[in-house]
Amino acid sequence: MNDYETVILMKPNLSKSKMENIITRVENKIRKFGNITRKQDLGEKKLAYKIKENDKGYYIVYQFKAKSRVKKSLESLYKTIDEIIKYIIIDKEEE
């Protein structure tokens, strides 16, 4: 298993239940391939520039250990959730 980190940036105006639903989907996807070692809810922050008409975003950072197939699977999930406006997945083994 490899070490990974992912940051997701969600629209800031989501309801609490919608945000929890997205977080649950992301965490379930990660757990399908490994386990979460750290979760940081950084909350809402002002963006340096607008992303998809948003000048603020809600940040969540995950560090986890998982099989390499997790990257493709997470990317597919992120692309299907319109409320996620930006994301990155970092393979810590490749640094």
Protein backbone atom coordinates (compact mmCIF):
# COMPACT_ATOMS: atom_id res chain seq x y z
CA MET A 1 0.00 0.00 0.00
CA ASN A 2 1.13 3.53 -0.82
CA ASP A 3 0.82 6.75 1.16
CA TYR A 4 -1.48 9.35 -0.41
CA GLU A 5 -2.84 12.76 0.32
CA THR A 6 -5.88 14.34 -1.27
CA VAL A 7 -7.34 17.81 -0.96
CA ILE A 8 -10.88 18.51 -2.04
CA LEU A 9 -12.32 21.96 -2.47
CA MET A 10 -16.10 22.16 -2.32
CA LYS A 11 -18.53 24.97 -3.04
CA PRO A 12 -18.92 27.05 0.13
CA ASN A 13 -22.72 27.38 0.08
CA LEU A 14 -23.59 23.69 0.58
CA SER A 15 -26.03 22.56 3.22
CA LYS A 16 -24.56 20.57 6.09
CA SER A 17 -26.34 17.39 4.95
CA LYS A 18 -25.09 17.75 1.35
CA MET A 19 -21.53 18.29 2.58
CA GLU A 20 -21.74 15.29 4.92
CA ASN A 21 -23.05 13.17 2.03
CA ILE A 22 -20.07 14.12 -0.15
CA ILE A 23 -17.60 13.50 2.70
CA THR A 24 -19.15 10.08 3.35
CA ARG A 25 -18.87 9.14 -0.34
CA VAL A 26 -15.20 10.18 -0.46
CA GLU A 27 -14.34 8.37 2.78
CA ASN A 28 -16.13 5.19 1.67
CA LYS A 29 -14.20 5.24 -1.62
CA ILE A 30 -10.87 5.60 0.22
CA ARG A 31 -11.78 2.82 2.68
CA LYS A 32 -12.61 0.52 -0.24
CA PHE A 33 -8.89 0.56 -1.13
CA GLY A 34 -7.21 1.24 2.22
CA ASN A 35 -7.57 3.31 5.37
CA ILE A 36 -7.58 6.98 6.34
CA THR A 37 -4.70 7.97 8.62
CA ARG A 38 -5.57 11.66 9.03
CA LYS A 39 -8.45 13.98 8.18
CA GLN A 40 -8.27 17.76 8.42
CA ASP A 41 -11.39 19.86 7.99
CA LEU A 42 -9.93 23.27 7.17
CA GLY A 43 -13.30 24.89 6.64
CA GLU A 44 -14.18 27.78 4.39
CA LYS A 45 -11.38 29.94 3.02
CA LYS A 46 -11.11 32.80 0.54
CA LEU A 47 -9.58 31.73 -2.77
CA ALA A 48 -6.73 33.58 -4.48
CA TYR A 49 -8.81 33.58 -7.67
CA LYS A 50 -12.32 32.53 -8.66
CA ILE A 51 -12.87 28.87 -9.47
CA LYS A 52 -16.09 28.09 -11.29
CA GLU A 53 -17.58 31.44 -10.19
CA ASN A 54 -16.67 30.82 -6.51
CA ASP A 55 -14.41 33.18 -4.57
CA LYS A 56 -14.51 30.99 -1.44
CA GLY A 57 -14.19 27.24 -0.98
CA TYR A 58 -14.53 24.61 1.72
CA TYR A 59 -11.33 22.56 2.16
CA ILE A 60 -10.90 19.01 3.42
CA VAL A 61 -7.54 17.20 3.46
CA TYR A 62 -7.11 13.43 3.79
CA GLN A 63 -3.95 11.43 4.31
CA PHE A 64 -4.36 7.71 3.73
CA LYS A 65 -2.73 4.41 2.85
CA ALA A 66 -4.25 2.56 -0.06
CA LYS A 67 -3.70 0.40 -3.11
CA SER A 68 -2.58 2.25 -6.24
CA ARG A 69 -5.98 1.77 -7.93
CA VAL A 70 -7.40 4.36 -5.53
CA LYS A 71 -6.17 7.31 -7.63
CA LYS A 72 -8.27 6.47 -10.69
CA SER A 73 -11.25 5.58 -8.58
CA LEU A 74 -11.13 8.81 -6.57
CA GLU A 75 -10.65 10.93 -9.71
CA SER A 76 -13.73 9.32 -11.27
CA LEU A 77 -15.74 10.05 -8.13
CA TYR A 78 -14.55 13.66 -7.88
CA LYS A 79 -15.46 14.31 -11.51
CA THR A 80 -19.05 13.13 -10.94
CA ILE A 81 -19.68 15.41 -7.93
CA ASP A 82 -20.53 18.90 -9.20
CA GLU A 83 -20.08 20.41 -5.73
CA ILE A 84 -16.34 19.58 -5.78
CA ILE A 85 -14.81 22.49 -7.67
CA LYS A 86 -11.14 21.45 -7.42
CA TYR A 87 -9.12 18.51 -6.15
CA ILE A 88 -5.65 17.03 -6.07
CA ILE A 89 -4.40 13.54 -5.26
CA ILE A 90 -0.74 13.19 -4.31
CA ASP A 91 1.13 9.89 -4.25
CA LYS A 92 3.61 10.39 -1.42
CA GLU A 93 5.77 7.52 -2.72
CA GLU A 94 6.53 9.48 -5.92
CA GLU A 95 7.85 12.58 -4.14
